[in-house]
Amino acid sequence: MTQPNSVTKLNADWQQPIDAFLHYLQYERGYSKNTLSSYQRQLEQTALSIIEYAKQQANSGQYHWLNLEQNQLKQHINTLRLQAVKPRTIALKVAALRSFFGFMQKQHLRQDNPAQYLTVPKAARDLPKNLAVDQVNHLLSFDSSDDILASRDKAILELFYSSGLRLEELVNLNINDIDWQQKLLRVSGKGNKQRIVPVGSVALTAIKHWLNMRPAFCQQLAEADQLALFVSKQHKRISTRQVRQRVQLWAKKQGLSQHLHPHMLRHSFASHMLESSQDLRAVQELLGHANLSTTQVYTHLDFTHLAKVYDSAHPRARKK
């Protein structure tokens, strides 16, 4: 089974079920644009590969989402393995297929889920990189008092590190999501799940300074963006792409030697919180992780410290 040409288009019989699935994920599950694009890409690539395989087989019959079996999907996954596709990419494709066929089951279009028992190669999970506390302090040490872009960017960087937000969570924030009195922030996370996180005083001060300058970017704001916390000089809600660019710009300006992206600030927040508090459950809640195992992989656990805590606290840890 060969990989298809990426510019090939699917016919309506193959494309319409994908479109219905994406509509469901967007409007009923609240998935992000990035996740929707990823699912669409994985499903369309799978469909095109299976169609190409069918053309090469004599009397292969007419494949379709409604009659695909586990064997056809296995052939596609095996092809990816032979082509040395990364295990994480294969796992993403299998996850998309499982979810898609599960949706078809709910819609009573299929009685089974042929992707349910597909196996994927295990991928090594590298610990994300983070900044040291001194590096974060140096990154955030620039003066933003008289520059509107610097003021906005300072507020963005401070908020990333203060509250451990995801990139999309930050750009979707509105002014009325901030509880100034309680120093709390309402965040809409993955699957449109909301959580409340604290905001540090330094970050709140930076946000207040930015809000004083924000009107200069608000003359032509669309109605949907009127309450956007962070806006661009194009007079609209700031985009994820713009935030990435500005984070990298300030890393360069401040002389950081490593490539910096927003997720690294989120990880730095989690790592520093865990190192100080040793409260894994609290960090899980702050990050908005559904499973504790995600937090364990995502953060650098100080096992030496944990061993000391165990030795000092457990009644049978040491001989008396």
Protein backbone atom coordinates (compact mmCIF):
# COMPACT_ATOMS: atom_id res chain seq x y z
CA MET A 1 0.00 0.00 0.00
CA THR A 2 1.75 3.19 -1.16
CA GLN A 3 1.37 6.67 0.19
CA PRO A 4 -0.91 8.83 -1.98
CA ASN A 5 -0.16 12.11 -3.65
CA SER A 6 -1.02 14.80 -1.10
CA VAL A 7 -2.78 16.97 -3.72
CA THR A 8 -5.25 14.21 -4.68
CA LYS A 9 -8.84 15.04 -3.73
CA LEU A 10 -11.37 12.66 -2.26
CA ASN A 11 -14.75 12.15 -3.84
CA ALA A 12 -17.90 13.05 -1.91
CA ASP A 13 -18.54 9.49 -0.66
CA TRP A 14 -15.22 9.54 1.20
CA GLN A 15 -15.15 13.23 2.12
CA GLN A 16 -18.65 13.76 3.50
CA PRO A 17 -18.26 11.41 6.51
CA ILE A 18 -15.00 13.16 7.40
CA ASP A 19 -16.69 16.57 7.18
CA ALA A 20 -19.55 15.38 9.41
CA PHE A 21 -17.06 14.08 11.97
CA LEU A 22 -15.09 17.35 11.99
CA HIS A 23 -18.33 19.32 12.38
CA TYR A 24 -19.18 17.19 15.41
CA LEU A 25 -15.73 17.72 16.97
CA GLN A 26 -15.87 21.47 16.42
CA TYR A 27 -19.41 22.31 17.50
CA GLU A 28 -20.26 19.58 19.99
CA ARG A 29 -16.85 18.76 21.49
CA GLY A 30 -15.21 22.17 21.15
CA TYR A 31 -11.95 20.92 19.63
CA SER A 32 -9.33 23.48 18.57
CA LYS A 33 -8.55 24.38 14.98
CA ASN A 34 -5.17 22.68 15.21
CA THR A 35 -6.71 19.41 16.37
CA LEU A 36 -9.38 19.56 13.67
CA SER A 37 -6.75 20.14 10.98
CA SER A 38 -4.69 17.24 12.30
CA TYR A 39 -7.66 14.84 12.32
CA GLN A 40 -8.68 15.92 8.83
CA ARG A 41 -5.17 15.37 7.49
CA GLN A 42 -4.83 11.91 9.07
CA LEU A 43 -8.21 10.69 7.82
CA GLU A 44 -7.80 12.04 4.29
CA GLN A 45 -4.32 10.51 3.99
CA THR A 46 -5.69 7.15 5.15
CA ALA A 47 -8.57 7.29 2.65
CA LEU A 48 -6.29 8.18 -0.25
CA SER A 49 -3.84 5.42 0.63
CA ILE A 50 -6.60 2.80 0.76
CA ILE A 51 -8.08 4.03 -2.52
CA GLU A 52 -4.68 3.79 -4.17
CA TYR A 53 -4.21 0.28 -2.82
CA ALA A 54 -7.63 -0.77 -4.14
CA LYS A 55 -6.69 0.42 -7.63
CA GLN A 56 -3.63 -1.83 -7.60
CA GLN A 57 -5.55 -4.97 -6.65
CA ALA A 58 -7.47 -7.14 -9.08
CA ASN A 59 -11.07 -7.75 -8.01
CA SER A 60 -10.43 -5.84 -4.83
CA GLY A 61 -14.00 -4.59 -4.59
CA GLN A 62 -15.17 -1.11 -3.73
CA TYR A 63 -13.72 0.08 -0.44
CA HIS A 64 -15.53 2.71 1.59
CA TRP A 65 -15.63 3.97 5.19
CA LEU A 66 -18.75 1.86 5.67
CA ASN A 67 -17.17 -1.46 4.72
CA LEU A 68 -13.49 -1.07 5.62
CA GLU A 69 -12.19 -3.86 7.81
CA GLN A 70 -9.35 -4.05 10.28
CA ASN A 71 -7.10 -5.78 7.73
CA GLN A 72 -7.20 -2.82 5.34
CA LEU A 73 -6.30 -0.44 8.16
CA LYS A 74 -3.50 -2.75 9.31
CA GLN A 75 -2.05 -2.72 5.80
CA HIS A 76 -2.03 1.06 5.85
CA ILE A 77 -0.31 1.18 9.27
CA ASN A 78 2.26 -1.43 8.17
CA THR A 79 3.05 0.69 5.12
CA LEU A 80 3.77 3.64 7.36
CA ARG A 81 6.10 1.50 9.47
CA LEU A 82 7.99 0.32 6.39
CA GLN A 83 8.37 3.93 5.32
CA ALA A 84 9.94 4.71 8.72
CA VAL A 85 7.18 7.11 9.71
CA LYS A 86 7.67 8.25 13.31
CA PRO A 87 5.78 6.21 15.94
CA ARG A 88 4.12 9.36 17.27
CA THR A 89 2.73 10.15 13.82
CA ILE A 90 1.36 6.60 13.48
CA ALA A 91 -0.18 6.81 16.95
CA LEU A 92 -1.85 10.09 16.00
CA LYS A 93 -3.30 8.50 12.87
CA VAL A 94 -4.63 5.50 14.78
CA ALA A 95 -6.17 7.79 17.41
CA ALA A 96 -7.93 9.76 14.66
CA LEU A 97 -9.25 6.55 13.07
CA ARG A 98 -10.52 5.17 16.39
CA SER A 99 -12.34 8.38 17.15
CA PHE A 100 -13.74 8.64 13.63
CA PHE A 101 -15.13 5.09 13.53
CA GLY A 102 -16.45 5.54 17.07
CA PHE A 103 -18.38 8.54 15.75
CA MET A 104 -19.76 6.43 12.90
CA GLN A 105 -20.93 3.86 15.44
CA LYS A 106 -22.77 6.54 17.40
CA GLN A 107 -24.42 7.67 14.16
CA HIS A 108 -25.49 4.04 13.50
CA LEU A 109 -23.53 3.99 10.25
CA ARG A 110 -21.39 1.06 11.42
CA GLN A 111 -21.81 -1.67 14.00
CA ASP A 112 -18.09 -2.04 14.71
CA ASN A 113 -14.93 0.00 15.08
CA PRO A 114 -12.23 -1.57 12.86
CA ALA A 115 -9.55 0.68 14.35
CA GLN A 116 -10.28 -0.29 17.95
CA TYR A 117 -7.59 -2.96 18.23
CA LEU A 118 -4.93 -1.51 15.95
CA THR A 119 -1.51 -1.59 17.58
CA VAL A 120 1.07 1.16 17.27
CA PRO A 121 4.81 1.15 17.96
CA LYS A 122 5.78 2.70 21.27
CA ALA A 123 7.51 6.04 21.05
CA ALA A 124 10.11 7.28 23.45
CA ARG A 125 8.67 10.18 25.42
CA ASP A 126 11.25 12.90 25.85
CA LEU A 127 10.88 15.25 28.78
CA PRO A 128 10.08 18.75 27.51
CA LYS A 129 12.75 21.37 27.97
CA ASN A 130 12.26 24.21 30.39
CA LEU A 131 13.99 27.41 31.39
CA ALA A 132 15.77 27.85 34.69
CA VAL A 133 14.29 30.41 37.09
CA ASP A 134 17.17 32.81 36.40
CA GLN A 135 16.56 32.52 32.65
CA VAL A 136 12.88 33.32 33.08
CA ASN A 137 13.71 36.34 35.24
CA HIS A 138 16.16 37.57 32.63
CA LEU A 139 13.65 37.04 29.80
CA LEU A 140 11.05 39.13 31.65
CA SER A 141 13.43 41.91 32.73
CA PHE A 142 12.93 44.20 29.70
CA ASP A 143 11.39 47.66 30.05
CA SER A 144 7.89 47.98 28.58
CA SER A 145 6.82 51.31 30.05
CA ASP A 146 6.68 53.40 26.86
CA ASP A 147 6.22 50.88 24.02
CA ILE A 148 2.77 49.48 23.24
CA LEU A 149 4.04 46.24 21.63
CA ALA A 150 6.55 45.68 24.43
CA SER A 151 3.79 46.30 26.97
CA ARG A 152 1.51 43.73 25.34
CA ASP A 153 4.31 41.20 24.95
CA LYS A 154 5.41 41.64 28.56
CA ALA A 155 1.86 40.89 29.70
CA ILE A 156 1.73 37.80 27.46
CA LEU A 157 5.03 36.41 28.70
CA GLU A 158 4.22 37.13 32.34
CA LEU A 159 0.84 35.42 32.00
CA PHE A 160 2.30 32.33 30.31
CA TYR A 161 4.72 31.86 33.17
CA SER A 162 2.35 32.98 35.92
CA SER A 163 -0.51 30.61 35.08
CA GLY A 164 0.92 27.87 32.82
CA LEU A 165 -1.47 28.51 29.94
CA ARG A 166 -1.53 26.73 26.61
CA LEU A 167 -1.02 28.95 23.56
CA GLU A 168 -4.62 28.70 22.36
CA GLU A 169 -5.92 29.31 25.87
CA LEU A 170 -4.01 32.58 26.01
CA VAL A 171 -5.10 33.97 22.64
CA ASN A 172 -8.76 33.13 23.40
CA LEU A 173 -8.79 35.04 26.70
CA ASN A 174 -11.22 37.92 27.14
CA ILE A 175 -10.91 40.87 29.50
CA ASN A 176 -13.87 39.68 31.55
CA ASP A 177 -12.14 36.35 32.22
CA ILE A 178 -10.01 38.10 34.84
CA ASP A 179 -11.21 38.35 38.44
CA TRP A 180 -9.05 41.24 39.61
CA GLN A 181 -10.19 41.11 43.23
CA GLN A 182 -9.56 37.38 43.71
CA LYS A 183 -6.55 37.33 41.35
CA LEU A 184 -8.06 34.49 39.32
CA LEU A 185 -8.42 33.70 35.65
CA ARG A 186 -11.15 31.73 33.86
CA VAL A 187 -9.55 29.59 31.13
CA SER A 188 -11.22 27.56 28.38
CA GLY A 189 -9.01 24.53 27.80
CA LYS A 190 -9.10 21.47 25.57
CA GLY A 191 -12.59 20.27 24.71
CA ASN A 192 -13.88 23.68 25.86
CA LYS A 193 -13.43 22.58 29.48
CA GLN A 194 -13.16 25.55 31.81
CA ARG A 195 -10.88 25.84 34.81
CA ILE A 196 -9.96 28.62 37.23
CA VAL A 197 -6.28 29.38 37.77
CA PRO A 198 -4.52 31.95 39.95
CA VAL A 199 -2.64 34.89 38.45
CA GLY A 200 0.41 36.39 40.11
CA SER A 201 0.59 40.05 41.11
CA VAL A 202 3.46 40.73 38.71
CA ALA A 203 1.45 39.37 35.79
CA LEU A 204 -1.63 41.37 36.81
CA THR A 205 0.44 44.55 36.95
CA ALA A 206 1.77 43.86 33.44
CA ILE A 207 -1.77 43.19 32.17
CA LYS A 208 -3.08 46.45 33.70
CA HIS A 209 -0.29 48.38 32.00
CA TRP A 210 -1.14 46.75 28.67
CA LEU A 211 -4.86 47.50 29.07
CA ASN A 212 -4.02 51.18 29.51
CA MET A 213 -2.33 51.09 26.09
CA ARG A 214 -4.73 48.65 24.40
CA PRO A 215 -7.17 51.32 23.06
CA ALA A 216 -4.59 52.31 20.43
CA PHE A 217 -5.17 48.93 18.75
CA CYS A 218 -8.94 48.93 19.12
CA GLN A 219 -10.30 51.53 16.68
CA GLN A 220 -11.53 48.97 14.14
CA LEU A 221 -11.99 45.83 16.23
CA ALA A 222 -14.62 43.40 14.94
CA GLU A 223 -17.56 42.86 17.27
CA ALA A 224 -16.36 39.33 18.10
CA ASP A 225 -12.98 40.72 19.22
CA GLN A 226 -14.21 43.65 21.32
CA LEU A 227 -13.41 41.88 24.59
CA ALA A 228 -10.23 40.12 23.42
CA LEU A 229 -7.55 40.53 26.08
CA PHE A 230 -4.68 40.57 23.59
CA VAL A 231 -5.06 42.30 20.22
CA SER A 232 -2.64 43.02 17.41
CA LYS A 233 -1.74 46.20 15.56
CA GLN A 234 -3.93 44.83 12.74
CA HIS A 235 -6.85 45.66 15.09
CA LYS A 236 -8.01 42.09 15.77
CA ARG A 237 -7.51 39.32 18.32
CA ILE A 238 -3.87 38.24 18.31
CA SER A 239 -3.17 34.94 16.55
CA THR A 240 -1.19 31.94 17.78
CA ARG A 241 1.32 32.53 15.00
CA GLN A 242 1.92 36.12 16.11
CA VAL A 243 2.41 35.04 19.73
CA ARG A 244 4.99 32.43 18.70
CA GLN A 245 6.87 35.05 16.69
CA ARG A 246 6.87 37.57 19.53
CA VAL A 247 8.04 35.00 22.09
CA GLN A 248 10.94 34.06 19.82
CA LEU A 249 11.71 37.75 19.21
CA TRP A 250 12.04 38.51 22.91
CA ALA A 251 14.12 35.41 23.53
CA LYS A 252 16.54 36.66 20.88
CA LYS A 253 16.49 40.24 22.18
CA GLN A 254 17.18 39.06 25.72
CA GLY A 255 20.07 36.89 24.60
CA LEU A 256 18.67 33.46 25.39
CA SER A 257 20.76 30.86 23.59
CA GLN A 258 17.95 28.36 23.07
CA HIS A 259 14.90 28.38 20.83
CA LEU A 260 11.94 29.52 22.92
CA HIS A 261 8.30 28.71 22.25
CA PRO A 262 5.17 29.30 24.37
CA HIS A 263 4.89 25.68 25.48
CA MET A 264 8.34 25.91 27.04
CA LEU A 265 7.05 28.68 29.31
CA ARG A 266 4.12 26.46 30.29
CA HIS A 267 6.53 23.65 31.09
CA SER A 268 8.78 26.01 33.05
CA PHE A 269 5.77 27.04 35.13
CA ALA A 270 4.90 23.39 35.83
CA SER A 271 8.47 22.37 36.63
CA HIS A 272 9.11 25.28 38.98
CA MET A 273 5.77 24.80 40.74
CA LEU A 274 6.44 21.11 41.25
CA GLU A 275 9.99 21.64 42.45
CA SER A 276 8.76 24.10 45.07
CA SER A 277 5.53 22.44 46.19
CA GLN A 278 5.99 18.73 45.39
CA ASP A 279 2.19 18.70 44.96
CA LEU A 280 1.59 16.77 41.76
CA ARG A 281 -2.20 16.88 42.05
CA ALA A 282 -2.21 20.67 42.38
CA VAL A 283 0.02 21.06 39.34
CA GLN A 284 -2.30 18.72 37.43
CA GLU A 285 -5.27 20.96 38.23
CA LEU A 286 -3.39 24.13 37.31
CA LEU A 287 -2.35 22.70 33.93
CA GLY A 288 -5.81 21.33 33.15
CA HIS A 289 -4.58 17.77 32.60
CA ALA A 290 -7.32 15.13 32.60
CA ASN A 291 -4.90 12.38 33.72
CA LEU A 292 -2.22 12.52 36.36
CA SER A 293 0.08 10.43 34.15
CA THR A 294 0.24 13.33 31.68
CA THR A 295 1.50 15.63 34.41
CA GLN A 296 4.10 13.08 35.52
CA VAL A 297 5.60 12.91 32.03
CA TYR A 298 5.27 16.63 31.44
CA THR A 299 7.18 17.74 34.48
CA HIS A 300 10.67 17.02 35.83
CA LEU A 301 10.13 15.06 39.03
CA ASP A 302 12.75 15.53 41.71
CA PHE A 303 13.06 11.89 42.74
CA THR A 304 15.89 12.64 45.18
CA HIS A 305 13.60 14.94 47.13
CA LEU A 306 10.77 12.40 47.00
CA ALA A 307 13.10 9.72 48.36
CA LYS A 308 14.03 11.98 51.29
CA VAL A 309 10.36 12.65 52.01
CA TYR A 310 9.68 8.91 51.97
CA ASP A 311 12.61 8.13 54.27
CA SER A 312 11.53 10.74 56.78
CA ALA A 313 7.79 10.07 56.69
CA HIS A 314 7.15 6.35 56.18
CA PRO A 315 7.10 4.36 59.44
CA ARG A 316 8.95 1.40 57.93
CA ALA A 317 11.29 3.23 55.57
CA ARG A 318 14.35 2.87 57.80
CA LYS A 319 15.49 0.65 60.61
CA LYS A 320 15.15 2.23 64.02
